Amino acid sequence: MALEMAFPIVLILTLFISAFIVLTRHQAHMKAQRELPDRADYFASAGEGGACKKCGSTETTEQGLDDSSDNTRIVSCAGCRALLYQFKRESAPD
């Protein structure tokens, strides 16, 4: 009887712990995005080209902070996907 009850309890605990770990990592990633420097501050510290500090690439990708139409844009390196800086878009695209 006790063994029959142990398996579902262990399974449920494993699911809850896994969900907690995933949510904690997601929250940490979102916090890192929100704490990125502004574009002007990044280019002042990185130099004229604004190359990635990890891999040296100058190619970047951008995405919205919360969704694809967000005015706060997060720029990351296209080579190594390191977070670089953020900026506010003037107006959302039509």
PDB file of N, CA and C in Angstrom:
ATOM      1  N   MET A   1       0.819  -1.195   0.000  1.00  0.00           N
ATOM      2  CA  MET A   1       0.000   0.000   0.000  1.00  0.00           C
ATOM      3  C   MET A   1       0.864   1.260   0.000  1.00  0.00           C
ATOM      4  N   ALA A   2       1.889   1.265   0.827  1.00  0.00           N
ATOM      5  CA  ALA A   2       2.738   2.455   0.915  1.00  0.00           C
ATOM      6  C   ALA A   2       3.526   2.672  -0.366  1.00  0.00           C
ATOM      7  N   LEU A   3       3.941   1.575  -0.999  1.00  0.00           N
ATOM      8  CA  LEU A   3       4.696   1.680  -2.246  1.00  0.00           C
ATOM      9  C   LEU A   3       3.817   2.201  -3.376  1.00  0.00           C
ATOM     10  N   GLU A   4       2.544   1.830  -3.359  1.00  0.00           N
ATOM     11  CA  GLU A   4       1.613   2.318  -4.374  1.00  0.00           C
ATOM     12  C   GLU A   4       1.395   3.819  -4.242  1.00  0.00           C
ATOM     13  N   MET A   5       1.452   4.345  -3.055  1.00  0.00           N
ATOM     14  CA  MET A   5       1.264   5.776  -2.816  1.00  0.00           C
ATOM     15  C   MET A   5       2.546   6.560  -3.063  1.00  0.00           C
ATOM     16  N   ALA A   6       3.679   5.901  -2.936  1.00  0.00           N
ATOM     17  CA  ALA A   6       4.954   6.610  -3.073  1.00  0.00           C
ATOM     18  C   ALA A   6       5.207   7.055  -4.505  1.00  0.00           C
ATOM     19  N   PHE A   7       4.890   6.228  -5.483  1.00  0.00           N
ATOM     20  CA  PHE A   7       5.176   6.576  -6.874  1.00  0.00           C
ATOM     21  C   PHE A   7       4.444   7.845  -7.326  1.00  0.00           C
ATOM     22  N   PRO A   8       3.130   7.975  -7.117  1.00  0.00           N
ATOM     23  CA  PRO A   8       2.474   9.221  -7.534  1.00  0.00           C
ATOM     24  C   PRO A   8       2.990  10.451  -6.788  1.00  0.00           C
ATOM     25  N   ILE A   9       3.315  10.281  -5.523  1.00  0.00           N
ATOM     26  CA  ILE A   9       3.829  11.415  -4.749  1.00  0.00           C
ATOM     27  C   ILE A   9       5.188  11.846  -5.277  1.00  0.00           C
ATOM     28  N   VAL A  10       6.063  10.891  -5.558  1.00  0.00           N
ATOM     29  CA  VAL A  10       7.382  11.213  -6.110  1.00  0.00           C
ATOM     30  C   VAL A  10       7.231  11.857  -7.479  1.00  0.00           C
ATOM     31  N   LEU A  11       6.314  11.352  -8.292  1.00  0.00           N
ATOM     32  CA  LEU A  11       6.079  11.915  -9.619  1.00  0.00           C
ATOM     33  C   LEU A  11       5.589  13.359  -9.532  1.00  0.00           C
ATOM     34  N   ILE A  12       4.644  13.616  -8.662  1.00  0.00           N
ATOM     35  CA  ILE A  12       4.116  14.973  -8.499  1.00  0.00           C
ATOM     36  C   ILE A  12       5.192  15.906  -7.962  1.00  0.00           C
ATOM     37  N   LEU A  13       5.962  15.462  -6.983  1.00  0.00           N
ATOM     38  CA  LEU A  13       7.050  16.288  -6.460  1.00  0.00           C
ATOM     39  C   LEU A  13       8.085  16.593  -7.537  1.00  0.00           C
ATOM     40  N   THR A  14       8.399  15.613  -8.366  1.00  0.00           N
ATOM     41  CA  THR A  14       9.349  15.823  -9.458  1.00  0.00           C
ATOM     42  C   THR A  14       8.822  16.864 -10.437  1.00  0.00           C
ATOM     43  N   LEU A  15       7.545  16.789 -10.766  1.00  0.00           N
ATOM     44  CA  LEU A  15       6.949  17.773 -11.673  1.00  0.00           C
ATOM     45  C   LEU A  15       6.983  19.177 -11.072  1.00  0.00           C
ATOM     46  N   PHE A  16       6.635  19.309  -9.797  1.00  0.00           N
ATOM     47  CA  PHE A  16       6.657  20.618  -9.149  1.00  0.00           C
ATOM     48  C   PHE A  16       8.072  21.186  -9.067  1.00  0.00           C
ATOM     49  N   ILE A  17       9.027  20.355  -8.729  1.00  0.00           N
ATOM     50  CA  ILE A  17      10.417  20.821  -8.637  1.00  0.00           C
ATOM     51  C   ILE A  17      10.931  21.223 -10.011  1.00  0.00           C
ATOM     52  N   SER A  18      10.600  20.444 -11.036  1.00  0.00           N
ATOM     53  CA  SER A  18      11.014  20.789 -12.400  1.00  0.00           C
ATOM     54  C   SER A  18      10.396  22.111 -12.842  1.00  0.00           C
ATOM     55  N   ALA A  19       9.117  22.301 -12.562  1.00  0.00           N
ATOM     56  CA  ALA A  19       8.452  23.557 -12.913  1.00  0.00           C
ATOM     57  C   ALA A  19       9.088  24.728 -12.168  1.00  0.00           C
ATOM     58  N   PHE A  20       9.423  24.534 -10.911  1.00  0.00           N
ATOM     59  CA  PHE A  20      10.071  25.588 -10.135  1.00  0.00           C
ATOM     60  C   PHE A  20      11.420  25.962 -10.739  1.00  0.00           C
ATOM     61  N   ILE A  21      12.199  24.969 -11.147  1.00  0.00           N
ATOM     62  CA  ILE A  21      13.517  25.231 -11.740  1.00  0.00           C
ATOM     63  C   ILE A  21      13.372  25.983 -13.057  1.00  0.00           C
ATOM     64  N   VAL A  22      12.438  25.550 -13.899  1.00  0.00           N
ATOM     65  CA  VAL A  22      12.226  26.219 -15.188  1.00  0.00           C
ATOM     66  C   VAL A  22      11.787  27.664 -14.976  1.00  0.00           C
ATOM     67  N   LEU A  23      10.847  27.895 -14.082  1.00  0.00           N
ATOM     68  CA  LEU A  23      10.370  29.257 -13.833  1.00  0.00           C
ATOM     69  C   LEU A  23      11.449  30.136 -13.218  1.00  0.00           C
ATOM     70  N   THR A  24      12.259  29.585 -12.343  1.00  0.00           N
ATOM     71  CA  THR A  24      13.344  30.354 -11.739  1.00  0.00           C
ATOM     72  C   THR A  24      14.369  30.773 -12.784  1.00  0.00           C
ATOM     73  N   ARG A  25      14.720  29.864 -13.684  1.00  0.00           N
ATOM     74  CA  ARG A  25      15.675  30.200 -14.751  1.00  0.00           C
ATOM     75  C   ARG A  25      15.089  31.244 -15.698  1.00  0.00           C
ATOM     76  N   HIS A  26      13.794  31.132 -15.995  1.00  0.00           N
ATOM     77  CA  HIS A  26      13.148  32.114 -16.870  1.00  0.00           C
ATOM     78  C   HIS A  26      13.137  33.493 -16.210  1.00  0.00           C
ATOM     79  N   GLN A  27      12.822  33.539 -14.937  1.00  0.00           N
ATOM     80  CA  GLN A  27      12.817  34.812 -14.206  1.00  0.00           C
ATOM     81  C   GLN A  27      14.213  35.432 -14.190  1.00  0.00           C
ATOM     82  N   ALA A  28      15.244  34.622 -14.017  1.00  0.00           N
ATOM     83  CA  ALA A  28      16.615  35.139 -14.018  1.00  0.00           C
ATOM     84  C   ALA A  28      16.984  35.696 -15.386  1.00  0.00           C
ATOM     85  N   HIS A  29      16.555  35.033 -16.453  1.00  0.00           N
ATOM     86  CA  HIS A  29      16.830  35.522 -17.809  1.00  0.00           C
ATOM     87  C   HIS A  29      16.099  36.842 -18.063  1.00  0.00           C
ATOM     88  N   MET A  30      14.851  36.942 -17.634  1.00  0.00           N
ATOM     89  CA  MET A  30      14.089  38.184 -17.812  1.00  0.00           C
ATOM     90  C   MET A  30      14.715  39.316 -17.002  1.00  0.00           C
ATOM     91  N   LYS A  31      15.195  39.020 -15.799  1.00  0.00           N
ATOM     92  CA  LYS A  31      15.848  40.038 -14.979  1.00  0.00           C
ATOM     93  C   LYS A  31      17.126  40.519 -15.652  1.00  0.00           C
ATOM     94  N   ALA A  32      17.890  39.598 -16.236  1.00  0.00           N
ATOM     95  CA  ALA A  32      19.115  39.980 -16.950  1.00  0.00           C
ATOM     96  C   ALA A  32      18.790  40.866 -18.143  1.00  0.00           C
ATOM     97  N   GLN A  33      17.696  40.594 -18.841  1.00  0.00           N
ATOM     98  CA  GLN A  33      17.303  41.430 -19.970  1.00  0.00           C
ATOM     99  C   GLN A  33      16.912  42.826 -19.508  1.00  0.00           C
ATOM    100  N   ARG A  34      16.172  42.914 -18.418  1.00  0.00           N
ATOM    101  CA  ARG A  34      15.721  44.222 -17.926  1.00  0.00           C
ATOM    102  C   ARG A  34      16.881  45.070 -17.393  1.00  0.00           C
ATOM    103  N   GLU A  35      17.968  44.436 -16.961  1.00  0.00           N
ATOM    104  CA  GLU A  35      19.105  45.168 -16.407  1.00  0.00           C
ATOM    105  C   GLU A  35      20.189  45.476 -17.438  1.00  0.00           C
ATOM    106  N   LEU A  36      19.929  45.211 -18.719  1.00  0.00           N
ATOM    107  CA  LEU A  36      20.922  45.512 -19.753  1.00  0.00           C
ATOM    108  C   LEU A  36      21.144  47.015 -19.862  1.00  0.00           C
ATOM    109  N   PRO A  37      22.350  47.438 -20.257  1.00  0.00           N
ATOM    110  CA  PRO A  37      22.602  48.876 -20.423  1.00  0.00           C
ATOM    111  C   PRO A  37      21.872  49.418 -21.648  1.00  0.00           C
ATOM    112  N   ASP A  38      21.659  50.724 -21.655  1.00  0.00           N
ATOM    113  CA  ASP A  38      21.094  51.376 -22.837  1.00  0.00           C
ATOM    114  C   ASP A  38      22.094  51.317 -23.978  1.00  0.00           C
ATOM    115  N   ARG A  39      21.607  51.579 -25.180  1.00  0.00           N
ATOM    116  CA  ARG A  39      22.456  51.503 -26.371  1.00  0.00           C
ATOM    117  C   ARG A  39      23.628  52.472 -26.279  1.00  0.00           C
ATOM    118  N   ALA A  40      23.378  53.709 -25.849  1.00  0.00           N
ATOM    119  CA  ALA A  40      24.456  54.705 -25.760  1.00  0.00           C
ATOM    120  C   ALA A  40      25.525  54.265 -24.759  1.00  0.00           C
ATOM    121  N   ASP A  41      25.105  53.744 -23.618  1.00  0.00           N
ATOM    122  CA  ASP A  41      26.063  53.277 -22.614  1.00  0.00           C
ATOM    123  C   ASP A  41      26.873  52.089 -23.130  1.00  0.00           C
ATOM    124  N   TYR A  42      26.204  51.187 -23.856  1.00  0.00           N
ATOM    125  CA  TYR A  42      26.911  50.018 -24.385  1.00  0.00           C
ATOM    126  C   TYR A  42      27.969  50.433 -25.400  1.00  0.00           C
ATOM    127  N   PHE A  43      27.595  51.313 -26.347  1.00  0.00           N
ATOM    128  CA  PHE A  43      28.560  51.727 -27.364  1.00  0.00           C
ATOM    129  C   PHE A  43      29.684  52.571 -26.769  1.00  0.00           C
ATOM    130  N   ALA A  44      29.400  53.287 -25.677  1.00  0.00           N
ATOM    131  CA  ALA A  44      30.457  54.049 -25.013  1.00  0.00           C
ATOM    132  C   ALA A  44      31.490  53.109 -24.389  1.00  0.00           C
ATOM    133  N   SER A  45      31.039  51.977 -23.868  1.00  0.00           N
ATOM    134  CA  SER A  45      31.981  51.048 -23.241  1.00  0.00           C
ATOM    135  C   SER A  45      32.579  50.056 -24.236  1.00  0.00           C
ATOM    136  N   ALA A  46      31.849  49.710 -25.300  1.00  0.00           N
ATOM    137  CA  ALA A  46      32.324  48.694 -26.249  1.00  0.00           C
ATOM    138  C   ALA A  46      33.144  49.280 -27.387  1.00  0.00           C
ATOM    139  N   GLY A  47      33.072  50.571 -27.583  1.00  0.00           N
ATOM    140  CA  GLY A  47      33.820  51.178 -28.677  1.00  0.00           C
ATOM    141  C   GLY A  47      32.952  51.450 -29.887  1.00  0.00           C
ATOM    142  N   GLU A  48      33.584  51.899 -30.960  1.00  0.00           N
ATOM    143  CA  GLU A  48      32.867  52.341 -32.156  1.00  0.00           C
ATOM    144  C   GLU A  48      32.056  51.223 -32.803  1.00  0.00           C
ATOM    145  N   GLY A  49      32.652  50.056 -32.987  1.00  0.00           N
ATOM    146  CA  GLY A  49      31.963  48.969 -33.686  1.00  0.00           C
ATOM    147  C   GLY A  49      30.904  48.276 -32.855  1.00  0.00           C
ATOM    148  N   GLY A  50      31.028  48.328 -31.563  1.00  0.00           N
ATOM    149  CA  GLY A  50      30.077  47.672 -30.671  1.00  0.00           C
ATOM    150  C   GLY A  50      30.115  46.165 -30.768  1.00  0.00           C
ATOM    151  N   ALA A  51      31.306  45.607 -30.940  1.00  0.00           N
ATOM    152  CA  ALA A  51      31.446  44.155 -31.088  1.00  0.00           C
ATOM    153  C   ALA A  51      31.096  43.446 -29.783  1.00  0.00           C
ATOM    154  N   CYS A  52      30.643  42.219 -29.921  1.00  0.00           N
ATOM    155  CA  CYS A  52      30.304  41.385 -28.770  1.00  0.00           C
ATOM    156  C   CYS A  52      31.557  41.154 -27.929  1.00  0.00           C
ATOM    157  N   LYS A  53      31.408  41.234 -26.612  1.00  0.00           N
ATOM    158  CA  LYS A  53      32.554  41.038 -25.726  1.00  0.00           C
ATOM    159  C   LYS A  53      32.932  39.566 -25.600  1.00  0.00           C
ATOM    160  N   LYS A  54      31.998  38.656 -25.890  1.00  0.00           N
ATOM    161  CA  LYS A  54      32.294  37.226 -25.794  1.00  0.00           C
ATOM    162  C   LYS A  54      32.996  36.692 -27.030  1.00  0.00           C
ATOM    163  N   CYS A  55      32.432  36.981 -28.223  1.00  0.00           N
ATOM    164  CA  CYS A  55      32.960  36.354 -29.442  1.00  0.00           C
ATOM    165  C   CYS A  55      33.522  37.348 -30.451  1.00  0.00           C
ATOM    166  N   GLY A  56      33.300  38.646 -30.258  1.00  0.00           N
ATOM    167  CA  GLY A  56      33.842  39.648 -31.164  1.00  0.00           C
ATOM    168  C   GLY A  56      33.010  39.903 -32.405  1.00  0.00           C
ATOM    169  N   SER A  57      31.869  39.257 -32.537  1.00  0.00           N
ATOM    170  CA  SER A  57      31.009  39.433 -33.706  1.00  0.00           C
ATOM    171  C   SER A  57      30.313  40.793 -33.653  1.00  0.00           C
ATOM    172  N   THR A  58      30.078  41.381 -34.820  1.00  0.00           N
ATOM    173  CA  THR A  58      29.345  42.648 -34.887  1.00  0.00           C
ATOM    174  C   THR A  58      27.917  42.449 -35.384  1.00  0.00           C
ATOM    175  N   GLU A  59      27.542  41.225 -35.745  1.00  0.00           N
ATOM    176  CA  GLU A  59      26.176  40.944 -36.184  1.00  0.00           C
ATOM    177  C   GLU A  59      25.281  40.768 -34.963  1.00  0.00           C
ATOM    178  N   THR A  60      24.097  41.397 -35.020  1.00  0.00           N
ATOM    179  CA  THR A  60      23.182  41.352 -33.886  1.00  0.00           C
ATOM    180  C   THR A  60      21.786  40.945 -34.337  1.00  0.00           C
ATOM    181  N   THR A  61      21.003  40.505 -33.379  1.00  0.00           N
ATOM    182  CA  THR A  61      19.575  40.257 -33.576  1.00  0.00           C
ATOM    183  C   THR A  61      18.837  41.014 -32.489  1.00  0.00           C
ATOM    184  N   GLU A  62      17.599  41.381 -32.771  1.00  0.00           N
ATOM    185  CA  GLU A  62      16.819  42.087 -31.754  1.00  0.00           C
ATOM    186  C   GLU A  62      15.464  41.436 -31.598  1.00  0.00           C
ATOM    187  N   GLN A  63      14.932  41.576 -30.400  1.00  0.00           N
ATOM    188  CA  GLN A  63      13.602  41.059 -30.093  1.00  0.00           C
ATOM    189  C   GLN A  63      12.972  41.975 -29.062  1.00  0.00           C
ATOM    190  N   GLY A  64      11.670  41.896 -28.913  1.00  0.00           N
ATOM    191  CA  GLY A  64      10.985  42.684 -27.910  1.00  0.00           C
ATOM    192  C   GLY A  64      11.244  42.141 -26.519  1.00  0.00           C
ATOM    193  N   LEU A  65      11.158  43.005 -25.529  1.00  0.00           N
ATOM    194  CA  LEU A  65      11.383  42.567 -24.150  1.00  0.00           C
ATOM    195  C   LEU A  65      10.309  41.571 -23.715  1.00  0.00           C
ATOM    196  N   ASP A  66       9.044  41.922 -23.927  1.00  0.00           N
ATOM    197  CA  ASP A  66       7.954  41.037 -23.515  1.00  0.00           C
ATOM    198  C   ASP A  66       7.347  40.258 -24.680  1.00  0.00           C
ATOM    199  N   ASP A  67       7.236  40.897 -25.844  1.00  0.00           N
ATOM    200  CA  ASP A  67       6.736  40.219 -27.034  1.00  0.00           C
ATOM    201  C   ASP A  67       7.319  40.890 -28.269  1.00  0.00           C
ATOM    202  N   SER A  68       6.972  40.394 -29.436  1.00  0.00           N
ATOM    203  CA  SER A  68       7.616  40.884 -30.657  1.00  0.00           C
ATOM    204  C   SER A  68       7.243  42.316 -31.002  1.00  0.00           C
ATOM    205  N   SER A  69       6.138  42.835 -30.494  1.00  0.00           N
ATOM    206  CA  SER A  69       5.732  44.202 -30.817  1.00  0.00           C
ATOM    207  C   SER A  69       6.070  45.199 -29.712  1.00  0.00           C
ATOM    208  N   ASP A  70       6.828  44.791 -28.720  1.00  0.00           N
ATOM    209  CA  ASP A  70       7.190  45.656 -27.598  1.00  0.00           C
ATOM    210  C   ASP A  70       8.138  46.761 -28.064  1.00  0.00           C
ATOM    211  N   ASN A  71       7.980  47.959 -27.520  1.00  0.00           N
ATOM    212  CA  ASN A  71       8.852  49.083 -27.880  1.00  0.00           C
ATOM    213  C   ASN A  71      10.224  48.983 -27.232  1.00  0.00           C
ATOM    214  N   THR A  72      10.352  48.271 -26.129  1.00  0.00           N
ATOM    215  CA  THR A  72      11.663  48.039 -25.531  1.00  0.00           C
ATOM    216  C   THR A  72      12.285  46.847 -26.236  1.00  0.00           C
ATOM    217  N   ARG A  73      13.397  47.090 -26.930  1.00  0.00           N
ATOM    218  CA  ARG A  73      14.036  46.066 -27.752  1.00  0.00           C
ATOM    219  C   ARG A  73      15.291  45.553 -27.061  1.00  0.00           C
ATOM    220  N   ILE A  74      15.506  44.258 -27.116  1.00  0.00           N
ATOM    221  CA  ILE A  74      16.682  43.607 -26.554  1.00  0.00           C
ATOM    222  C   ILE A  74      17.559  43.168 -27.716  1.00  0.00           C
ATOM    223  N   VAL A  75      18.811  43.591 -27.704  1.00  0.00           N
ATOM    224  CA  VAL A  75      19.741  43.251 -28.778  1.00  0.00           C
ATOM    225  C   VAL A  75      20.724  42.214 -28.245  1.00  0.00           C
ATOM    226  N   SER A  76      20.882  41.136 -29.005  1.00  0.00           N
ATOM    227  CA  SER A  76      21.819  40.085 -28.629  1.00  0.00           C
ATOM    228  C   SER A  76      22.733  39.774 -29.801  1.00  0.00           C
ATOM    229  N   CYS A  77      23.840  39.136 -29.507  1.00  0.00           N
ATOM    230  CA  CYS A  77      24.821  38.772 -30.524  1.00  0.00           C
ATOM    231  C   CYS A  77      24.253  37.649 -31.389  1.00  0.00           C
ATOM    232  N   ALA A  78      24.405  37.773 -32.703  1.00  0.00           N
ATOM    233  CA  ALA A  78      23.926  36.724 -33.609  1.00  0.00           C
ATOM    234  C   ALA A  78      24.840  35.506 -33.570  1.00  0.00           C
ATOM    235  N   GLY A  79      26.093  35.700 -33.187  1.00  0.00           N
ATOM    236  CA  GLY A  79      27.042  34.592 -33.162  1.00  0.00           C
ATOM    237  C   GLY A  79      26.905  33.704 -31.942  1.00  0.00           C
ATOM    238  N   CYS A  80      26.910  34.311 -30.757  1.00  0.00           N
ATOM    239  CA  CYS A  80      26.904  33.508 -29.526  1.00  0.00           C
ATOM    240  C   CYS A  80      25.644  33.710 -28.682  1.00  0.00           C
ATOM    241  N   ARG A  81      24.732  34.554 -29.125  1.00  0.00           N
ATOM    242  CA  ARG A  81      23.455  34.831 -28.465  1.00  0.00           C
ATOM    243  C   ARG A  81      23.617  35.500 -27.099  1.00  0.00           C
ATOM    244  N   ALA A  82      24.748  36.155 -26.862  1.00  0.00           N
ATOM    245  CA  ALA A  82      24.953  36.885 -25.609  1.00  0.00           C
ATOM    246  C   ALA A  82      24.103  38.154 -25.631  1.00  0.00           C
ATOM    247  N   LEU A  83      23.522  38.507 -24.488  1.00  0.00           N
ATOM    248  CA  LEU A  83      22.736  39.732 -24.390  1.00  0.00           C
ATOM    249  C   LEU A  83      23.679  40.927 -24.406  1.00  0.00           C
ATOM    250  N   LEU A  84      23.376  41.935 -25.238  1.00  0.00           N
ATOM    251  CA  LEU A  84      24.275  43.076 -25.373  1.00  0.00           C
ATOM    252  C   LEU A  84      23.706  44.344 -24.745  1.00  0.00           C
ATOM    253  N   TYR A  85      22.570  44.834 -25.251  1.00  0.00           N
ATOM    254  CA  TYR A  85      22.009  46.087 -24.750  1.00  0.00           C
ATOM    255  C   TYR A  85      20.526  46.146 -25.076  1.00  0.00           C
ATOM    256  N   GLN A  86      19.881  47.198 -24.576  1.00  0.00           N
ATOM    257  CA  GLN A  86      18.475  47.434 -24.874  1.00  0.00           C
ATOM    258  C   GLN A  86      18.294  48.858 -25.360  1.00  0.00           C
ATOM    259  N   PHE A  87      17.195  49.090 -26.072  1.00  0.00           N
ATOM    260  CA  PHE A  87      16.853  50.444 -26.489  1.00  0.00           C
ATOM    261  C   PHE A  87      15.347  50.549 -26.643  1.00  0.00           C
ATOM    262  N   LYS A  88      14.854  51.782 -26.613  1.00  0.00           N
ATOM    263  CA  LYS A  88      13.427  52.038 -26.787  1.00  0.00           C
ATOM    264  C   LYS A  88      13.177  52.411 -28.241  1.00  0.00           C
ATOM    265  N   ARG A  89      12.294  51.683 -28.896  1.00  0.00           N
ATOM    266  CA  ARG A  89      11.924  51.981 -30.270  1.00  0.00           C
ATOM    267  C   ARG A  89      10.971  53.171 -30.257  1.00  0.00           C
ATOM    268  N   GLU A  90      11.126  54.066 -31.230  1.00  0.00           N
ATOM    269  CA  GLU A  90      10.314  55.285 -31.279  1.00  0.00           C
ATOM    270  C   GLU A  90       8.825  54.972 -31.421  1.00  0.00           C
ATOM    271  N   SER A  91       8.469  54.133 -32.383  1.00  0.00           N
ATOM    272  CA  SER A  91       7.066  53.764 -32.550  1.00  0.00           C
ATOM    273  C   SER A  91       6.996  52.327 -33.028  1.00  0.00           C
ATOM    274  N   ALA A  92       5.917  51.674 -32.683  1.00  0.00           N
ATOM    275  CA  ALA A  92       5.746  50.280 -33.081  1.00  0.00           C
ATOM    276  C   ALA A  92       5.503  50.199 -34.581  1.00  0.00           C
ATOM    277  N   PRO A  93       6.000  49.143 -35.239  1.00  0.00           N
ATOM    278  CA  PRO A  93       5.768  49.009 -36.682  1.00  0.00           C
ATOM    279  C   PRO A  93       4.298  48.740 -36.975  1.00  0.00           C
ATOM    280  N   ASP A  94       3.858  49.185 -38.135  1.00  0.00           N
ATOM    281  CA  ASP A  94       2.451  48.981 -38.525  1.00  0.00           C
ATOM    282  C   ASP A  94       2.227  47.628 -39.125  1.00  0.00           C
TER     283      ASP A  94
END
